[in-house]
């Protein structure tokens, strides 16, 4: 989902990495499910980098 969103915004991994202060290799690992990320990193990518909104819902 993150890769598709980045591509829709016409951003390279390098450009997204610059926006959120992460390396291109980190963005690549995230997009290829080879790295775990914190909620803060997810927030940075989605809201700061891609201009989206995160909504988290917990149903018990």
Protein backbone atom coordinates (compact mmCIF):
# COMPACT_ATOMS: atom_id res chain seq x y z
CA UNK A 1 0.00 0.00 0.00
CA UNK A 2 2.79 2.42 0.86
CA UNK A 3 4.58 1.82 -2.44
CA UNK A 4 1.39 2.37 -4.42
CA UNK A 5 0.66 5.58 -2.51
CA UNK A 6 4.21 6.84 -3.05
CA UNK A 7 4.01 6.11 -6.76
CA UNK A 8 0.62 7.87 -7.04
CA UNK A 9 2.31 10.95 -5.55
CA UNK A 10 5.07 10.62 -8.17
CA UNK A 11 7.76 10.37 -5.48
CA UNK A 12 10.88 8.25 -5.65
CA UNK A 13 12.09 6.38 -2.60
CA UNK A 14 14.90 8.93 -2.35
CA UNK A 15 12.47 11.85 -2.39
CA UNK A 16 10.21 10.31 0.25
CA UNK A 17 13.25 9.49 2.37
CA UNK A 18 14.40 13.11 2.21
CA UNK A 19 10.98 14.37 3.32
CA UNK A 20 10.90 12.12 6.39
CA UNK A 21 14.66 12.07 7.04
CA UNK A 22 15.20 8.37 6.30
CA UNK A 23 17.47 6.63 3.80
CA UNK A 24 16.18 5.21 0.53
CA UNK A 25 17.24 1.73 1.65
CA UNK A 26 14.95 2.03 4.70
CA UNK A 27 11.98 3.01 2.51
CA UNK A 28 12.76 0.06 0.25
CA UNK A 29 12.82 -2.36 3.19
CA UNK A 30 9.48 -1.01 4.45
CA UNK A 31 7.88 -1.34 1.02
CA UNK A 32 9.15 -4.89 0.62
CA UNK A 33 8.04 -6.05 4.09
CA UNK A 34 11.61 -6.71 5.14
CA UNK A 35 11.59 -4.26 8.05
CA UNK A 36 9.36 -3.52 10.99
CA UNK A 37 8.48 0.08 11.70
CA UNK A 38 7.18 2.06 14.62
CA UNK A 39 3.85 3.88 14.60
CA UNK A 40 5.82 7.13 14.50
CA UNK A 41 7.58 6.04 11.31
CA UNK A 42 4.25 5.02 9.78
CA UNK A 43 2.85 8.43 10.76
CA UNK A 44 5.87 10.20 9.23
CA UNK A 45 5.57 8.28 5.96
CA UNK A 46 1.80 8.60 5.56
CA UNK A 47 1.07 12.04 7.00
CA UNK A 48 4.31 13.98 6.49
CA UNK A 49 5.62 12.23 3.40
CA UNK A 50 2.48 11.34 1.48
CA UNK A 51 -0.04 13.86 2.82
CA UNK A 52 -2.48 11.20 4.00
CA UNK A 53 -4.22 10.43 7.28
CA UNK A 54 -3.83 7.44 9.58
CA UNK A 55 -6.86 6.02 11.31
CA UNK A 56 -6.35 3.24 13.84
CA UNK A 57 -9.31 1.28 15.14
CA UNK A 58 -9.33 -1.36 17.82
CA UNK A 59 -12.37 -3.59 18.23
CA UNK A 60 -12.54 -5.89 21.22
